[in-house]
Amino acid sequence: MTPTLTLISVGIALMTIILSIFGASWLNQRALEKHTDLLREMFAAEFKAIDTRFAAIEARFEARFAAIEARLDRIERQLDAVFKPSLPK
């Protein structure tokens, strides 16, 4: 084999290795982007479900506090009716 042919073969082999490395890197990047998009969609769905649950819990607490407030107002009115301030005679 001549030295020129050897150099050409080595050059082609190096170019092939470099191209294959860049190709594999590009394909890996594309795969990572797809996985990232899938994770983003999954987390968005999970956060939406959690947000819905918190909204339901908040509504329940607001209803309970409103009921407690109404009961306390009723008790306060009853106590005011029983213990009316009166002037001494």
PDB file of N, CA and C in Angstrom:
ATOM      1  N   MET A   1       0.832  -1.168   0.000  1.00  0.00           N
ATOM      2  CA  MET A   1       0.000   0.000   0.000  1.00  0.00           C
ATOM      3  C   MET A   1       0.886   1.244   0.000  1.00  0.00           C
ATOM      4  N   THR A   2       0.482   2.190  -0.776  1.00  0.00           N
ATOM      5  CA  THR A   2       1.264   3.418  -0.867  1.00  0.00           C
ATOM      6  C   THR A   2       0.924   4.330   0.293  1.00  0.00           C
ATOM      7  N   PRO A   3       1.844   5.207   0.661  1.00  0.00           N
ATOM      8  CA  PRO A   3       1.567   6.116   1.768  1.00  0.00           C
ATOM      9  C   PRO A   3       0.404   7.058   1.471  1.00  0.00           C
ATOM     10  N   THR A   4       0.226   7.448   0.244  1.00  0.00           N
ATOM     11  CA  THR A   4      -0.872   8.340  -0.111  1.00  0.00           C
ATOM     12  C   THR A   4      -2.214   7.645   0.104  1.00  0.00           C
ATOM     13  N   LEU A   5      -2.288   6.410  -0.324  1.00  0.00           N
ATOM     14  CA  LEU A   5      -3.527   5.640  -0.158  1.00  0.00           C
ATOM     15  C   LEU A   5      -3.821   5.419   1.333  1.00  0.00           C
ATOM     16  N   THR A   6      -2.794   5.188   2.115  1.00  0.00           N
ATOM     17  CA  THR A   6      -2.964   5.001   3.557  1.00  0.00           C
ATOM     18  C   THR A   6      -3.485   6.279   4.194  1.00  0.00           C
ATOM     19  N   LEU A   7      -2.918   7.429   3.826  1.00  0.00           N
ATOM     20  CA  LEU A   7      -3.371   8.711   4.365  1.00  0.00           C
ATOM     21  C   LEU A   7      -4.824   9.002   3.973  1.00  0.00           C
ATOM     22  N   ILE A   8      -5.169   8.684   2.754  1.00  0.00           N
ATOM     23  CA  ILE A   8      -6.550   8.896   2.304  1.00  0.00           C
ATOM     24  C   ILE A   8      -7.497   7.996   3.093  1.00  0.00           C
ATOM     25  N   SER A   9      -7.118   6.751   3.318  1.00  0.00           N
ATOM     26  CA  SER A   9      -7.957   5.812   4.073  1.00  0.00           C
ATOM     27  C   SER A   9      -8.124   6.278   5.518  1.00  0.00           C
ATOM     28  N   VAL A  10      -7.033   6.730   6.126  1.00  0.00           N
ATOM     29  CA  VAL A  10      -7.099   7.221   7.496  1.00  0.00           C
ATOM     30  C   VAL A  10      -7.967   8.480   7.567  1.00  0.00           C
ATOM     31  N   GLY A  11      -7.832   9.363   6.592  1.00  0.00           N
ATOM     32  CA  GLY A  11      -8.643  10.589   6.559  1.00  0.00           C
ATOM     33  C   GLY A  11     -10.123  10.272   6.436  1.00  0.00           C
ATOM     34  N   ILE A  12     -10.441   9.343   5.553  1.00  0.00           N
ATOM     35  CA  ILE A  12     -11.852   8.946   5.380  1.00  0.00           C
ATOM     36  C   ILE A  12     -12.376   8.288   6.659  1.00  0.00           C
ATOM     37  N   ALA A  13     -11.556   7.459   7.297  1.00  0.00           N
ATOM     38  CA  ALA A  13     -11.973   6.802   8.531  1.00  0.00           C
ATOM     39  C   ALA A  13     -12.224   7.837   9.630  1.00  0.00           C
ATOM     40  N   LEU A  14     -11.337   8.827   9.751  1.00  0.00           N
ATOM     41  CA  LEU A  14     -11.530   9.869  10.749  1.00  0.00           C
ATOM     42  C   LEU A  14     -12.783  10.690  10.475  1.00  0.00           C
ATOM     43  N   MET A  15     -13.011  11.044   9.228  1.00  0.00           N
ATOM     44  CA  MET A  15     -14.213  11.801   8.866  1.00  0.00           C
ATOM     45  C   MET A  15     -15.474  10.988   9.183  1.00  0.00           C
ATOM     46  N   THR A  16     -15.418   9.691   8.924  1.00  0.00           N
ATOM     47  CA  THR A  16     -16.562   8.822   9.218  1.00  0.00           C
ATOM     48  C   THR A  16     -16.822   8.752  10.717  1.00  0.00           C
ATOM     49  N   ILE A  17     -15.761   8.626  11.502  1.00  0.00           N
ATOM     50  CA  ILE A  17     -15.919   8.576  12.963  1.00  0.00           C
ATOM     51  C   ILE A  17     -16.496   9.891  13.476  1.00  0.00           C
ATOM     52  N   ILE A  18     -15.959  11.010  12.982  1.00  0.00           N
ATOM     53  CA  ILE A  18     -16.453  12.321  13.421  1.00  0.00           C
ATOM     54  C   ILE A  18     -17.914  12.501  13.019  1.00  0.00           C
ATOM     55  N   LEU A  19     -18.271  12.144  11.808  1.00  0.00           N
ATOM     56  CA  LEU A  19     -19.666  12.248  11.367  1.00  0.00           C
ATOM     57  C   LEU A  19     -20.586  11.357  12.195  1.00  0.00           C
ATOM     58  N   SER A  20     -20.137  10.160  12.516  1.00  0.00           N
ATOM     59  CA  SER A  20     -20.983   9.264  13.310  1.00  0.00           C
ATOM     60  C   SER A  20     -21.158   9.806  14.733  1.00  0.00           C
ATOM     61  N   ILE A  21     -20.128  10.414  15.299  1.00  0.00           N
ATOM     62  CA  ILE A  21     -20.250  10.997  16.643  1.00  0.00           C
ATOM     63  C   ILE A  21     -21.246  12.152  16.629  1.00  0.00           C
ATOM     64  N   PHE A  22     -21.127  13.048  15.647  1.00  0.00           N
ATOM     65  CA  PHE A  22     -22.066  14.161  15.563  1.00  0.00           C
ATOM     66  C   PHE A  22     -23.486  13.684  15.277  1.00  0.00           C
ATOM     67  N   GLY A  23     -23.634  12.678  14.450  1.00  0.00           N
ATOM     68  CA  GLY A  23     -24.961  12.120  14.165  1.00  0.00           C
ATOM     69  C   GLY A  23     -25.594  11.511  15.397  1.00  0.00           C
ATOM     70  N   ALA A  24     -24.801  10.758  16.151  1.00  0.00           N
ATOM     71  CA  ALA A  24     -25.323  10.145  17.380  1.00  0.00           C
ATOM     72  C   ALA A  24     -25.692  11.227  18.394  1.00  0.00           C
ATOM     73  N   SER A  25     -24.883  12.251  18.486  1.00  0.00           N
ATOM     74  CA  SER A  25     -25.186  13.356  19.401  1.00  0.00           C
ATOM     75  C   SER A  25     -26.484  14.050  19.005  1.00  0.00           C
ATOM     76  N   TRP A  26     -26.672  14.279  17.719  1.00  0.00           N
ATOM     77  CA  TRP A  26     -27.885  14.926  17.236  1.00  0.00           C
ATOM     78  C   TRP A  26     -29.116  14.067  17.530  1.00  0.00           C
ATOM     79  N   LEU A  27     -29.007  12.763  17.261  1.00  0.00           N
ATOM     80  CA  LEU A  27     -30.133  11.870  17.531  1.00  0.00           C
ATOM     81  C   LEU A  27     -30.439  11.801  19.027  1.00  0.00           C
ATOM     82  N   ASN A  28     -29.413  11.786  19.845  1.00  0.00           N
ATOM     83  CA  ASN A  28     -29.621  11.762  21.290  1.00  0.00           C
ATOM     84  C   ASN A  28     -30.314  13.043  21.752  1.00  0.00           C
ATOM     85  N   GLN A  29     -29.927  14.173  21.191  1.00  0.00           N
ATOM     86  CA  GLN A  29     -30.559  15.442  21.541  1.00  0.00           C
ATOM     87  C   GLN A  29     -32.040  15.426  21.185  1.00  0.00           C
ATOM     88  N   ARG A  30     -32.367  14.903  20.027  1.00  0.00           N
ATOM     89  CA  ARG A  30     -33.771  14.810  19.610  1.00  0.00           C
ATOM     90  C   ARG A  30     -34.563  13.919  20.572  1.00  0.00           C
ATOM     91  N   ALA A  31     -33.972  12.794  20.972  1.00  0.00           N
ATOM     92  CA  ALA A  31     -34.652  11.888  21.903  1.00  0.00           C
ATOM     93  C   ALA A  31     -34.869  12.572  23.249  1.00  0.00           C
ATOM     94  N   LEU A  32     -33.864  13.301  23.716  1.00  0.00           N
ATOM     95  CA  LEU A  32     -34.010  14.019  24.980  1.00  0.00           C
ATOM     96  C   LEU A  32     -35.093  15.088  24.895  1.00  0.00           C
ATOM     97  N   GLU A  33     -35.189  15.767  23.770  1.00  0.00           N
ATOM     98  CA  GLU A  33     -36.250  16.769  23.600  1.00  0.00           C
ATOM     99  C   GLU A  33     -37.625  16.129  23.670  1.00  0.00           C
ATOM    100  N   LYS A  34     -37.774  14.967  23.040  1.00  0.00           N
ATOM    101  CA  LYS A  34     -39.066  14.271  23.078  1.00  0.00           C
ATOM    102  C   LYS A  34     -39.415  13.861  24.511  1.00  0.00           C
ATOM    103  N   HIS A  35     -38.444  13.320  25.239  1.00  0.00           N
ATOM    104  CA  HIS A  35     -38.698  12.919  26.616  1.00  0.00           C
ATOM    105  C   HIS A  35     -39.019  14.127  27.491  1.00  0.00           C
ATOM    106  N   THR A  36     -38.324  15.218  27.257  1.00  0.00           N
ATOM    107  CA  THR A  36     -38.586  16.437  28.024  1.00  0.00           C
ATOM    108  C   THR A  36     -39.999  16.945  27.760  1.00  0.00           C
ATOM    109  N   ASP A  37     -40.425  16.910  26.513  1.00  0.00           N
ATOM    110  CA  ASP A  37     -41.788  17.342  26.187  1.00  0.00           C
ATOM    111  C   ASP A  37     -42.828  16.444  26.855  1.00  0.00           C
ATOM    112  N   LEU A  38     -42.580  15.143  26.844  1.00  0.00           N
ATOM    113  CA  LEU A  38     -43.510  14.220  27.493  1.00  0.00           C
ATOM    114  C   LEU A  38     -43.579  14.474  29.000  1.00  0.00           C
ATOM    115  N   LEU A  39     -42.422  14.701  29.619  1.00  0.00           N
ATOM    116  CA  LEU A  39     -42.415  15.004  31.055  1.00  0.00           C
ATOM    117  C   LEU A  39     -43.139  16.304  31.347  1.00  0.00           C
ATOM    118  N   ARG A  40     -42.937  17.307  30.498  1.00  0.00           N
ATOM    119  CA  ARG A  40     -43.601  18.593  30.691  1.00  0.00           C
ATOM    120  C   ARG A  40     -45.118  18.425  30.615  1.00  0.00           C
ATOM    121  N   GLU A  41     -45.606  17.645  29.656  1.00  0.00           N
ATOM    122  CA  GLU A  41     -47.046  17.403  29.537  1.00  0.00           C
ATOM    123  C   GLU A  41     -47.573  16.641  30.749  1.00  0.00           C
ATOM    124  N   MET A  42     -46.799  15.653  31.205  1.00  0.00           N
ATOM    125  CA  MET A  42     -47.233  14.863  32.345  1.00  0.00           C
ATOM    126  C   MET A  42     -47.311  15.738  33.602  1.00  0.00           C
ATOM    127  N   PHE A  43     -46.292  16.558  33.830  1.00  0.00           N
ATOM    128  CA  PHE A  43     -46.302  17.432  35.003  1.00  0.00           C
ATOM    129  C   PHE A  43     -47.405  18.473  34.906  1.00  0.00           C
ATOM    130  N   ALA A  44     -47.682  18.965  33.716  1.00  0.00           N
ATOM    131  CA  ALA A  44     -48.763  19.937  33.562  1.00  0.00           C
ATOM    132  C   ALA A  44     -50.096  19.302  33.950  1.00  0.00           C
ATOM    133  N   ALA A  45     -50.310  18.063  33.533  1.00  0.00           N
ATOM    134  CA  ALA A  45     -51.549  17.361  33.887  1.00  0.00           C
ATOM    135  C   ALA A  45     -51.619  17.126  35.396  1.00  0.00           C
ATOM    136  N   GLU A  46     -50.491  16.740  35.994  1.00  0.00           N
ATOM    137  CA  GLU A  46     -50.469  16.503  37.439  1.00  0.00           C
ATOM    138  C   GLU A  46     -50.726  17.797  38.214  1.00  0.00           C
ATOM    139  N   PHE A  47     -50.101  18.884  37.780  1.00  0.00           N
ATOM    140  CA  PHE A  47     -50.313  20.156  38.468  1.00  0.00           C
ATOM    141  C   PHE A  47     -51.749  20.631  38.320  1.00  0.00           C
ATOM    142  N   LYS A  48     -52.361  20.350  37.172  1.00  0.00           N
ATOM    143  CA  LYS A  48     -53.758  20.722  36.985  1.00  0.00           C
ATOM    144  C   LYS A  48     -54.648  19.927  37.939  1.00  0.00           C
ATOM    145  N   ALA A  49     -54.349  18.641  38.104  1.00  0.00           N
ATOM    146  CA  ALA A  49     -55.127  17.803  39.023  1.00  0.00           C
ATOM    147  C   ALA A  49     -54.949  18.278  40.463  1.00  0.00           C
ATOM    148  N   ILE A  50     -53.717  18.617  40.822  1.00  0.00           N
ATOM    149  CA  ILE A  50     -53.463  19.108  42.181  1.00  0.00           C
ATOM    150  C   ILE A  50     -54.171  20.436  42.400  1.00  0.00           C
ATOM    151  N   ASP A  51     -54.135  21.302  41.406  1.00  0.00           N
ATOM    152  CA  ASP A  51     -54.813  22.596  41.513  1.00  0.00           C
ATOM    153  C   ASP A  51     -56.316  22.408  41.695  1.00  0.00           C
ATOM    154  N   THR A  52     -56.886  21.456  40.984  1.00  0.00           N
ATOM    155  CA  THR A  52     -58.315  21.170  41.115  1.00  0.00           C
ATOM    156  C   THR A  52     -58.632  20.666  42.526  1.00  0.00           C
ATOM    157  N   ARG A  53     -57.770  19.788  43.046  1.00  0.00           N
ATOM    158  CA  ARG A  53     -57.994  19.269  44.401  1.00  0.00           C
ATOM    159  C   ARG A  53     -57.902  20.382  45.435  1.00  0.00           C
ATOM    160  N   PHE A  54     -56.916  21.276  45.293  1.00  0.00           N
ATOM    161  CA  PHE A  54     -56.792  22.383  46.241  1.00  0.00           C
ATOM    162  C   PHE A  54     -57.992  23.329  46.145  1.00  0.00           C
ATOM    163  N   ALA A  55     -58.488  23.545  44.950  1.00  0.00           N
ATOM    164  CA  ALA A  55     -59.667  24.401  44.795  1.00  0.00           C
ATOM    165  C   ALA A  55     -60.866  23.770  45.505  1.00  0.00           C
ATOM    166  N   ALA A  56     -61.015  22.451  45.395  1.00  0.00           N
ATOM    167  CA  ALA A  56     -62.124  21.765  46.075  1.00  0.00           C
ATOM    168  C   ALA A  56     -61.971  21.858  47.590  1.00  0.00           C
ATOM    169  N   ILE A  57     -60.750  21.675  48.071  1.00  0.00           N
ATOM    170  CA  ILE A  57     -60.514  21.772  49.515  1.00  0.00           C
ATOM    171  C   ILE A  57     -60.783  23.189  49.996  1.00  0.00           C
ATOM    172  N   GLU A  58     -60.356  24.172  49.222  1.00  0.00           N
ATOM    173  CA  GLU A  58     -60.596  25.568  49.587  1.00  0.00           C
ATOM    174  C   GLU A  58     -62.090  25.874  49.651  1.00  0.00           C
ATOM    175  N   ALA A  59     -62.843  25.357  48.687  1.00  0.00           N
ATOM    176  CA  ALA A  59     -64.292  25.578  48.681  1.00  0.00           C
ATOM    177  C   ALA A  59     -64.938  24.940  49.915  1.00  0.00           C
ATOM    178  N   ARG A  60     -64.471  23.731  50.275  1.00  0.00           N
ATOM    179  CA  ARG A  60     -65.014  23.066  51.468  1.00  0.00           C
ATOM    180  C   ARG A  60     -64.737  23.877  52.721  1.00  0.00           C
ATOM    181  N   PHE A  61     -63.511  24.378  52.854  1.00  0.00           N
ATOM    182  CA  PHE A  61     -63.174  25.175  54.037  1.00  0.00           C
ATOM    183  C   PHE A  61     -63.973  26.467  54.081  1.00  0.00           C
ATOM    184  N   GLU A  62     -64.148  27.100  52.947  1.00  0.00           N
ATOM    185  CA  GLU A  62     -64.944  28.333  52.927  1.00  0.00           C
ATOM    186  C   GLU A  62     -66.377  28.058  53.347  1.00  0.00           C
ATOM    187  N   ALA A  63     -66.947  26.941  52.882  1.00  0.00           N
ATOM    188  CA  ALA A  63     -68.312  26.590  53.270  1.00  0.00           C
ATOM    189  C   ALA A  63     -68.386  26.306  54.767  1.00  0.00           C
ATOM    190  N   ARG A  64     -67.400  25.588  55.289  1.00  0.00           N
ATOM    191  CA  ARG A  64     -67.407  25.280  56.721  1.00  0.00           C
ATOM    192  C   ARG A  64     -67.256  26.542  57.554  1.00  0.00           C
ATOM    193  N   PHE A  65     -66.352  27.432  57.157  1.00  0.00           N
ATOM    194  CA  PHE A  65     -66.170  28.674  57.905  1.00  0.00           C
ATOM    195  C   PHE A  65     -67.419  29.545  57.837  1.00  0.00           C
ATOM    196  N   ALA A  66     -68.096  29.557  56.709  1.00  0.00           N
ATOM    197  CA  ALA A  66     -69.337  30.322  56.597  1.00  0.00           C
ATOM    198  C   ALA A  66     -70.397  29.746  57.541  1.00  0.00           C
ATOM    199  N   ALA A  67     -70.465  28.412  57.608  1.00  0.00           N
ATOM    200  CA  ALA A  67     -71.429  27.781  58.503  1.00  0.00           C
ATOM    201  C   ALA A  67     -71.098  28.087  59.964  1.00  0.00           C
ATOM    202  N   ILE A  68     -69.835  28.025  60.305  1.00  0.00           N
ATOM    203  CA  ILE A  68     -69.422  28.335  61.685  1.00  0.00           C
ATOM    204  C   ILE A  68     -69.719  29.787  62.007  1.00  0.00           C
ATOM    205  N   GLU A  69     -69.447  30.666  61.080  1.00  0.00           N
ATOM    206  CA  GLU A  69     -69.716  32.088  61.303  1.00  0.00           C
ATOM    207  C   GLU A  69     -71.210  32.339  61.507  1.00  0.00           C
ATOM    208  N   ALA A  70     -72.046  31.652  60.722  1.00  0.00           N
ATOM    209  CA  ALA A  70     -73.491  31.810  60.876  1.00  0.00           C
ATOM    210  C   ALA A  70     -73.944  31.304  62.248  1.00  0.00           C
ATOM    211  N   ARG A  71     -73.393  30.186  62.685  1.00  0.00           N
ATOM    212  CA  ARG A  71     -73.765  29.649  63.991  1.00  0.00           C
ATOM    213  C   ARG A  71     -73.321  30.583  65.117  1.00  0.00           C
ATOM    214  N   LEU A  72     -72.108  31.112  64.990  1.00  0.00           N
ATOM    215  CA  LEU A  72     -71.630  32.040  66.014  1.00  0.00           C
ATOM    216  C   LEU A  72     -72.464  33.319  66.048  1.00  0.00           C
ATOM    217  N   ASP A  73     -72.877  33.799  64.886  1.00  0.00           N
ATOM    218  CA  ASP A  73     -73.751  34.984  64.853  1.00  0.00           C
ATOM    219  C   ASP A  73     -75.086  34.691  65.551  1.00  0.00           C
ATOM    220  N   ARG A  74     -75.626  33.500  65.295  1.00  0.00           N
ATOM    221  CA  ARG A  74     -76.884  33.122  65.941  1.00  0.00           C
ATOM    222  C   ARG A  74     -76.717  33.027  67.451  1.00  0.00           C
ATOM    223  N   ILE A  75     -75.622  32.425  67.895  1.00  0.00           N
ATOM    224  CA  ILE A  75     -75.369  32.318  69.330  1.00  0.00           C
ATOM    225  C   ILE A  75     -75.193  33.696  69.944  1.00  0.00           C
ATOM    226  N   GLU A  76     -74.500  34.576  69.243  1.00  0.00           N
ATOM    227  CA  GLU A  76     -74.291  35.935  69.753  1.00  0.00           C
ATOM    228  C   GLU A  76     -75.625  36.685  69.886  1.00  0.00           C
ATOM    229  N   ARG A  77     -76.505  36.524  68.891  1.00  0.00           N
ATOM    230  CA  ARG A  77     -77.820  37.164  68.976  1.00  0.00           C
ATOM    231  C   ARG A  77     -78.622  36.613  70.150  1.00  0.00           C
ATOM    232  N   GLN A  78     -78.546  35.301  70.358  1.00  0.00           N
ATOM    233  CA  GLN A  78     -79.274  34.695  71.471  1.00  0.00           C
ATOM    234  C   GLN A  78     -78.726  35.192  72.814  1.00  0.00           C
ATOM    235  N   LEU A  79     -77.402  35.296  72.908  1.00  0.00           N
ATOM    236  CA  LEU A  79     -76.815  35.793  74.148  1.00  0.00           C
ATOM    237  C   LEU A  79     -77.169  37.256  74.379  1.00  0.00           C
ATOM    238  N   ASP A  80     -77.180  38.038  73.298  1.00  0.00           N
ATOM    239  CA  ASP A  80     -77.583  39.445  73.438  1.00  0.00           C
ATOM    240  C   ASP A  80     -79.037  39.551  73.894  1.00  0.00           C
ATOM    241  N   ALA A  81     -79.900  38.655  73.419  1.00  0.00           N
ATOM    242  CA  ALA A  81     -81.301  38.677  73.815  1.00  0.00           C
ATOM    243  C   ALA A  81     -81.462  38.289  75.284  1.00  0.00           C
ATOM    244  N   VAL A  82     -80.662  37.344  75.751  1.00  0.00           N
ATOM    245  CA  VAL A  82     -80.759  36.890  77.134  1.00  0.00           C
ATOM    246  C   VAL A  82     -80.153  37.908  78.088  1.00  0.00           C
ATOM    247  N   PHE A  83     -79.003  38.407  77.759  1.00  0.00           N
ATOM    248  CA  PHE A  83     -78.287  39.329  78.639  1.00  0.00           C
ATOM    249  C   PHE A  83     -78.366  40.746  78.113  1.00  0.00           C
ATOM    250  N   LYS A  84     -79.577  41.318  78.111  1.00  0.00           N
ATOM    251  CA  LYS A  84     -79.755  42.692  77.690  1.00  0.00           C
ATOM    252  C   LYS A  84     -79.257  43.614  78.788  1.00  0.00           C
ATOM    253  N   PRO A  85     -78.488  44.615  78.400  1.00  0.00           N
ATOM    254  CA  PRO A  85     -78.068  45.542  79.444  1.00  0.00           C
ATOM    255  C   PRO A  85     -79.280  46.356  79.910  1.00  0.00           C
ATOM    256  N   SER A  86     -79.401  46.495  81.196  1.00  0.00           N
ATOM    257  CA  SER A  86     -80.524  47.269  81.754  1.00  0.00           C
ATOM    258  C   SER A  86     -79.985  48.318  82.717  1.00  0.00           C
ATOM    259  N   LEU A  87     -80.678  49.390  82.790  1.00  0.00           N
ATOM    260  CA  LEU A  87     -80.278  50.466  83.691  1.00  0.00           C
ATOM    261  C   LEU A  87     -80.747  50.151  85.103  1.00  0.00           C
ATOM    262  N   PRO A  88     -79.963  50.512  86.111  1.00  0.00           N
ATOM    263  CA  PRO A  88     -80.426  50.255  87.488  1.00  0.00           C
ATOM    264  C   PRO A  88     -81.625  51.135  87.829  1.00  0.00           C
ATOM    265  N   LYS A  89     -82.520  50.655  88.652  1.00  0.00           N
ATOM    266  CA  LYS A  89     -83.742  51.373  89.014  1.00  0.00           C
ATOM    267  C   LYS A  89     -83.565  52.216  90.221  1.00  0.00           C
TER     268      LYS A  89
END
